[in-house]
């Protein structure tokens, strides 16, 4: 049995099947209603994005500068160079013999740990979503990056195969 609901037109008690909101008699209002819902969603998304950016992402001046780098032309060129060099394939999966398409470019040594490497193309690797999540967790444990963590004084590792081995040892990959 299909799900139904009452027509949204005032004082109309006709039942309509999902996903419609108006009955056949008032169906001309459907497009207008859907457009108003989209406008509302776009407006409220900005509130969420603003809160995320001001509270979480840009929580201090150092983070603000770090993320502003990702909006520069320099980063755009470095990113494109890395994607073409690695043929849009995840470098971390490739080490394990798996071919995974990817469009994210990641700093091998996080710029939070060593900011001097942020514009070094040799410190960039293409990474898929699952590897990026696992690597972020590993970085937080090894380097002490991330919110609420304290940076460790450890030796930076800039070798992708070595990082994959360390991630596997800790069960993060």
C-alpha atoms as a PDB file:
ATOM      1  CA  UNK A   1       0.000   0.000   0.000  1.00  0.00           C
ATOM      2  CA  UNK A   2       1.517   3.355  -1.018  1.00  0.00           C
ATOM      3  CA  UNK A   3       2.199   6.022   1.597  1.00  0.00           C
ATOM      4  CA  UNK A   4      -0.233   8.887   1.505  1.00  0.00           C
ATOM      5  CA  UNK A   5      -0.677  12.304   3.072  1.00  0.00           C
ATOM      6  CA  UNK A   6      -3.212  15.100   3.025  1.00  0.00           C
ATOM      7  CA  UNK A   7      -3.087  17.759   0.290  1.00  0.00           C
ATOM      8  CA  UNK A   8      -1.239  20.892   1.470  1.00  0.00           C
ATOM      9  CA  UNK A   9      -3.809  23.264  -0.043  1.00  0.00           C
ATOM     10  CA  UNK A  10      -5.748  25.045   2.771  1.00  0.00           C
ATOM     11  CA  UNK A  11      -9.008  23.272   3.678  1.00  0.00           C
ATOM     12  CA  UNK A  12      -8.478  20.521   1.096  1.00  0.00           C
ATOM     13  CA  UNK A  13      -8.743  17.109   2.707  1.00  0.00           C
ATOM     14  CA  UNK A  14      -7.923  14.988  -0.344  1.00  0.00           C
ATOM     15  CA  UNK A  15      -5.262  12.313   0.103  1.00  0.00           C
ATOM     16  CA  UNK A  16      -2.218  12.230  -2.210  1.00  0.00           C
ATOM     17  CA  UNK A  17       0.424   9.548  -2.765  1.00  0.00           C
ATOM     18  CA  UNK A  18       4.048  10.246  -1.855  1.00  0.00           C
ATOM     19  CA  UNK A  19       6.109  12.092  -3.002  1.00  0.00           C
ATOM     20  CA  UNK A  20       3.423  14.571  -4.142  1.00  0.00           C
ATOM     21  CA  UNK A  21       2.249  17.339  -1.809  1.00  0.00           C
ATOM     22  CA  UNK A  22      -0.928  18.464  -3.666  1.00  0.00           C
ATOM     23  CA  UNK A  23      -3.938  16.630  -5.080  1.00  0.00           C
ATOM     24  CA  UNK A  24      -4.855  16.652  -8.793  1.00  0.00           C
ATOM     25  CA  UNK A  25      -7.149  19.656  -8.268  1.00  0.00           C
ATOM     26  CA  UNK A  26      -4.371  21.791  -6.692  1.00  0.00           C
ATOM     27  CA  UNK A  27      -1.338  20.293  -8.427  1.00  0.00           C
ATOM     28  CA  UNK A  28      -0.350  23.653  -9.999  1.00  0.00           C
ATOM     29  CA  UNK A  29       0.994  24.672  -6.550  1.00  0.00           C
ATOM     30  CA  UNK A  30       3.460  21.724  -6.404  1.00  0.00           C
ATOM     31  CA  UNK A  31       6.324  23.425  -8.300  1.00  0.00           C
ATOM     32  CA  UNK A  32       6.010  26.609  -6.239  1.00  0.00           C
ATOM     33  CA  UNK A  33       6.058  24.618  -2.992  1.00  0.00           C
ATOM     34  CA  UNK A  34       9.141  22.605  -4.003  1.00  0.00           C
ATOM     35  CA  UNK A  35      10.954  25.799  -5.017  1.00  0.00           C
ATOM     36  CA  UNK A  36      10.196  27.393  -1.644  1.00  0.00           C
ATOM     37  CA  UNK A  37      11.536  24.289   0.149  1.00  0.00           C
ATOM     38  CA  UNK A  38      14.760  24.478  -1.859  1.00  0.00           C
ATOM     39  CA  UNK A  39      15.159  28.179  -1.039  1.00  0.00           C
ATOM     40  CA  UNK A  40      14.649  27.381   2.643  1.00  0.00           C
ATOM     41  CA  UNK A  41      17.197  24.537   2.551  1.00  0.00           C
ATOM     42  CA  UNK A  42      19.807  26.718   0.842  1.00  0.00           C
ATOM     43  CA  UNK A  43      19.274  29.474   3.395  1.00  0.00           C
ATOM     44  CA  UNK A  44      19.604  27.176   6.378  1.00  0.00           C
ATOM     45  CA  UNK A  45      22.633  25.400   4.953  1.00  0.00           C
ATOM     46  CA  UNK A  46      24.500  28.720   5.121  1.00  0.00           C
ATOM     47  CA  UNK A  47      23.813  28.923   8.850  1.00  0.00           C
ATOM     48  CA  UNK A  48      25.287  25.463   9.397  1.00  0.00           C
ATOM     49  CA  UNK A  49      28.291  26.202   7.165  1.00  0.00           C
ATOM     50  CA  UNK A  50      28.920  29.503   8.931  1.00  0.00           C
ATOM     51  CA  UNK A  51      28.873  27.820  12.342  1.00  0.00           C
ATOM     52  CA  UNK A  52      31.162  25.011  11.147  1.00  0.00           C
ATOM     53  CA  UNK A  53      33.643  27.457   9.628  1.00  0.00           C
ATOM     54  CA  UNK A  54      33.747  29.875  12.589  1.00  0.00           C
ATOM     55  CA  UNK A  55      33.715  27.327  15.427  1.00  0.00           C
ATOM     56  CA  UNK A  56      35.435  24.209  14.097  1.00  0.00           C
ATOM     57  CA  UNK A  57      37.454  24.883  10.979  1.00  0.00           C
ATOM     58  CA  UNK A  58      38.775  28.379  11.805  1.00  0.00           C
ATOM     59  CA  UNK A  59      39.026  27.833  15.556  1.00  0.00           C
ATOM     60  CA  UNK A  60      42.187  29.956  15.812  1.00  0.00           C
ATOM     61  CA  UNK A  61      44.309  32.220  13.623  1.00  0.00           C
ATOM     62  CA  UNK A  62      46.727  29.414  12.718  1.00  0.00           C
ATOM     63  CA  UNK A  63      43.910  27.258  11.355  1.00  0.00           C
ATOM     64  CA  UNK A  64      42.423  30.236   9.516  1.00  0.00           C
ATOM     65  CA  UNK A  65      45.721  30.803   7.670  1.00  0.00           C
ATOM     66  CA  UNK A  66      46.164  27.078   7.054  1.00  0.00           C
ATOM     67  CA  UNK A  67      42.767  26.716   5.365  1.00  0.00           C
ATOM     68  CA  UNK A  68      43.033  29.999   3.459  1.00  0.00           C
ATOM     69  CA  UNK A  69      45.986  28.417   1.608  1.00  0.00           C
ATOM     70  CA  UNK A  70      43.543  25.940   0.020  1.00  0.00           C
ATOM     71  CA  UNK A  71      41.742  28.819  -1.723  1.00  0.00           C
ATOM     72  CA  UNK A  72      44.842  30.154  -3.487  1.00  0.00           C
ATOM     73  CA  UNK A  73      45.838  29.808  -7.119  1.00  0.00           C
ATOM     74  CA  UNK A  74      49.118  28.258  -5.943  1.00  0.00           C
ATOM     75  CA  UNK A  75      47.249  25.371  -4.247  1.00  0.00           C
ATOM     76  CA  UNK A  76      45.051  24.912  -7.302  1.00  0.00           C
ATOM     77  CA  UNK A  77      48.133  24.481  -9.521  1.00  0.00           C
ATOM     78  CA  UNK A  78      49.889  22.178  -7.031  1.00  0.00           C
ATOM     79  CA  UNK A  79      46.748  20.056  -6.705  1.00  0.00           C
ATOM     80  CA  UNK A  80      46.340  19.737 -10.476  1.00  0.00           C
ATOM     81  CA  UNK A  81      50.023  18.869 -10.872  1.00  0.00           C
ATOM     82  CA  UNK A  82      49.693  16.085  -8.271  1.00  0.00           C
ATOM     83  CA  UNK A  83      46.510  14.678  -9.793  1.00  0.00           C
ATOM     84  CA  UNK A  84      48.097  14.485 -13.235  1.00  0.00           C
ATOM     85  CA  UNK A  85      51.354  13.041 -11.859  1.00  0.00           C
ATOM     86  CA  UNK A  86      49.477  10.258 -10.023  1.00  0.00           C
ATOM     87  CA  UNK A  87      46.941   9.765 -12.869  1.00  0.00           C
ATOM     88  CA  UNK A  88      43.980  10.417 -10.509  1.00  0.00           C
ATOM     89  CA  UNK A  89      44.719   7.156  -8.639  1.00  0.00           C
ATOM     90  CA  UNK A  90      45.032   6.746  -4.861  1.00  0.00           C
ATOM     91  CA  UNK A  91      48.720   6.407  -3.989  1.00  0.00           C
ATOM     92  CA  UNK A  92      47.915   4.582  -0.724  1.00  0.00           C
ATOM     93  CA  UNK A  93      45.761   1.934  -2.429  1.00  0.00           C
ATOM     94  CA  UNK A  94      48.343   1.557  -5.203  1.00  0.00           C
ATOM     95  CA  UNK A  95      50.958   0.533  -2.609  1.00  0.00           C
ATOM     96  CA  UNK A  96      48.653  -2.357  -1.658  1.00  0.00           C
ATOM     97  CA  UNK A  97      48.125  -3.384  -5.279  1.00  0.00           C
ATOM     98  CA  UNK A  98      44.630  -1.914  -5.576  1.00  0.00           C
ATOM     99  CA  UNK A  99      43.682   0.623  -8.233  1.00  0.00           C
ATOM    100  CA  UNK A 100      41.249   3.222  -6.842  1.00  0.00           C
ATOM    101  CA  UNK A 101      40.264   6.437  -8.628  1.00  0.00           C
ATOM    102  CA  UNK A 102      40.555   9.541  -6.446  1.00  0.00           C
ATOM    103  CA  UNK A 103      40.343  13.325  -6.706  1.00  0.00           C
ATOM    104  CA  UNK A 104      41.566  14.400  -3.262  1.00  0.00           C
ATOM    105  CA  UNK A 105      45.137  15.628  -2.846  1.00  0.00           C
ATOM    106  CA  UNK A 106      46.618  15.219   0.640  1.00  0.00           C
ATOM    107  CA  UNK A 107      49.795  16.417   2.311  1.00  0.00           C
ATOM    108  CA  UNK A 108      51.911  13.377   3.191  1.00  0.00           C
ATOM    109  CA  UNK A 109      53.396  15.225   6.168  1.00  0.00           C
ATOM    110  CA  UNK A 110      50.508  17.351   7.487  1.00  0.00           C
ATOM    111  CA  UNK A 111      50.985  21.108   7.217  1.00  0.00           C
ATOM    112  CA  UNK A 112      49.794  21.416  10.798  1.00  0.00           C
ATOM    113  CA  UNK A 113      52.972  19.513  11.749  1.00  0.00           C
ATOM    114  CA  UNK A 114      55.403  21.123   9.272  1.00  0.00           C
ATOM    115  CA  UNK A 115      54.092  24.208   7.484  1.00  0.00           C
ATOM    116  CA  UNK A 116      57.260  24.597   5.401  1.00  0.00           C
ATOM    117  CA  UNK A 117      56.146  21.603   3.283  1.00  0.00           C
ATOM    118  CA  UNK A 118      52.710  22.977   2.366  1.00  0.00           C
ATOM    119  CA  UNK A 119      53.745  24.148  -1.134  1.00  0.00           C
ATOM    120  CA  UNK A 120      56.123  21.249  -1.856  1.00  0.00           C
ATOM    121  CA  UNK A 121      54.684  19.046  -4.610  1.00  0.00           C
ATOM    122  CA  UNK A 122      56.830  16.128  -3.369  1.00  0.00           C
ATOM    123  CA  UNK A 123      54.806  16.258  -0.113  1.00  0.00           C
ATOM    124  CA  UNK A 124      51.514  15.750  -1.962  1.00  0.00           C
ATOM    125  CA  UNK A 125      49.753  12.504  -2.836  1.00  0.00           C
ATOM    126  CA  UNK A 126      46.395  11.648  -4.376  1.00  0.00           C
ATOM    127  CA  UNK A 127      44.182   9.810  -1.893  1.00  0.00           C
ATOM    128  CA  UNK A 128      40.737   8.181  -1.916  1.00  0.00           C
ATOM    129  CA  UNK A 129      38.110   8.870   0.738  1.00  0.00           C
ATOM    130  CA  UNK A 130      38.595   5.722   2.827  1.00  0.00           C
ATOM    131  CA  UNK A 131      42.393   6.055   2.854  1.00  0.00           C
ATOM    132  CA  UNK A 132      42.082   9.757   3.696  1.00  0.00           C
ATOM    133  CA  UNK A 133      39.906   8.948   6.696  1.00  0.00           C
ATOM    134  CA  UNK A 134      42.323   6.247   7.876  1.00  0.00           C
ATOM    135  CA  UNK A 135      45.357   8.487   7.321  1.00  0.00           C
ATOM    136  CA  UNK A 136      43.743  11.347   9.248  1.00  0.00           C
ATOM    137  CA  UNK A 137      43.179   9.022  12.217  1.00  0.00           C
ATOM    138  CA  UNK A 138      46.784   7.796  11.970  1.00  0.00           C
ATOM    139  CA  UNK A 139      48.103  11.389  11.784  1.00  0.00           C
ATOM    140  CA  UNK A 140      46.149  12.320  14.894  1.00  0.00           C
ATOM    141  CA  UNK A 141      47.723   9.427  16.779  1.00  0.00           C
ATOM    142  CA  UNK A 142      51.264   9.766  15.383  1.00  0.00           C
ATOM    143  CA  UNK A 143      51.713  13.529  14.935  1.00  0.00           C
ATOM    144  CA  UNK A 144      49.112  14.719  17.424  1.00  0.00           C
ATOM    145  CA  UNK A 145      47.254  16.790  14.839  1.00  0.00           C
ATOM    146  CA  UNK A 146      43.585  17.666  15.087  1.00  0.00           C
ATOM    147  CA  UNK A 147      41.388  19.535  17.501  1.00  0.00           C
ATOM    148  CA  UNK A 148      42.179  18.893  21.148  1.00  0.00           C
ATOM    149  CA  UNK A 149      45.460  17.074  20.441  1.00  0.00           C
ATOM    150  CA  UNK A 150      48.977  18.246  21.239  1.00  0.00           C
ATOM    151  CA  UNK A 151      51.627  18.061  18.508  1.00  0.00           C
ATOM    152  CA  UNK A 152      54.219  15.365  19.199  1.00  0.00           C
ATOM    153  CA  UNK A 153      57.935  15.790  18.614  1.00  0.00           C
ATOM    154  CA  UNK A 154      58.341  12.858  16.242  1.00  0.00           C
ATOM    155  CA  UNK A 155      60.282  12.328  13.040  1.00  0.00           C
ATOM    156  CA  UNK A 156      58.174  13.193   9.983  1.00  0.00           C
ATOM    157  CA  UNK A 157      57.460  10.292   7.623  1.00  0.00           C
ATOM    158  CA  UNK A 158      57.231  11.338   3.970  1.00  0.00           C
ATOM    159  CA  UNK A 159      57.200   7.876   2.388  1.00  0.00           C
ATOM    160  CA  UNK A 160      53.731   6.671   1.344  1.00  0.00           C
ATOM    161  CA  UNK A 161      54.556   2.915   1.542  1.00  0.00           C
ATOM    162  CA  UNK A 162      55.938   3.388   5.076  1.00  0.00           C
ATOM    163  CA  UNK A 163      52.777   5.225   6.137  1.00  0.00           C
ATOM    164  CA  UNK A 164      50.590   2.443   4.705  1.00  0.00           C
ATOM    165  CA  UNK A 165      52.581  -0.133   6.718  1.00  0.00           C
ATOM    166  CA  UNK A 166      52.186   1.936   9.902  1.00  0.00           C
ATOM    167  CA  UNK A 167      48.469   2.444   9.267  1.00  0.00           C
ATOM    168  CA  UNK A 168      48.046  -1.331   8.779  1.00  0.00           C
ATOM    169  CA  UNK A 169      49.962  -2.088  11.990  1.00  0.00           C
ATOM    170  CA  UNK A 170      47.571   0.090  13.967  1.00  0.00           C
ATOM    171  CA  UNK A 171      44.554  -1.395  12.183  1.00  0.00           C
ATOM    172  CA  UNK A 172      43.523   1.910  10.694  1.00  0.00           C
ATOM    173  CA  UNK A 173      43.502   0.794   7.042  1.00  0.00           C
END
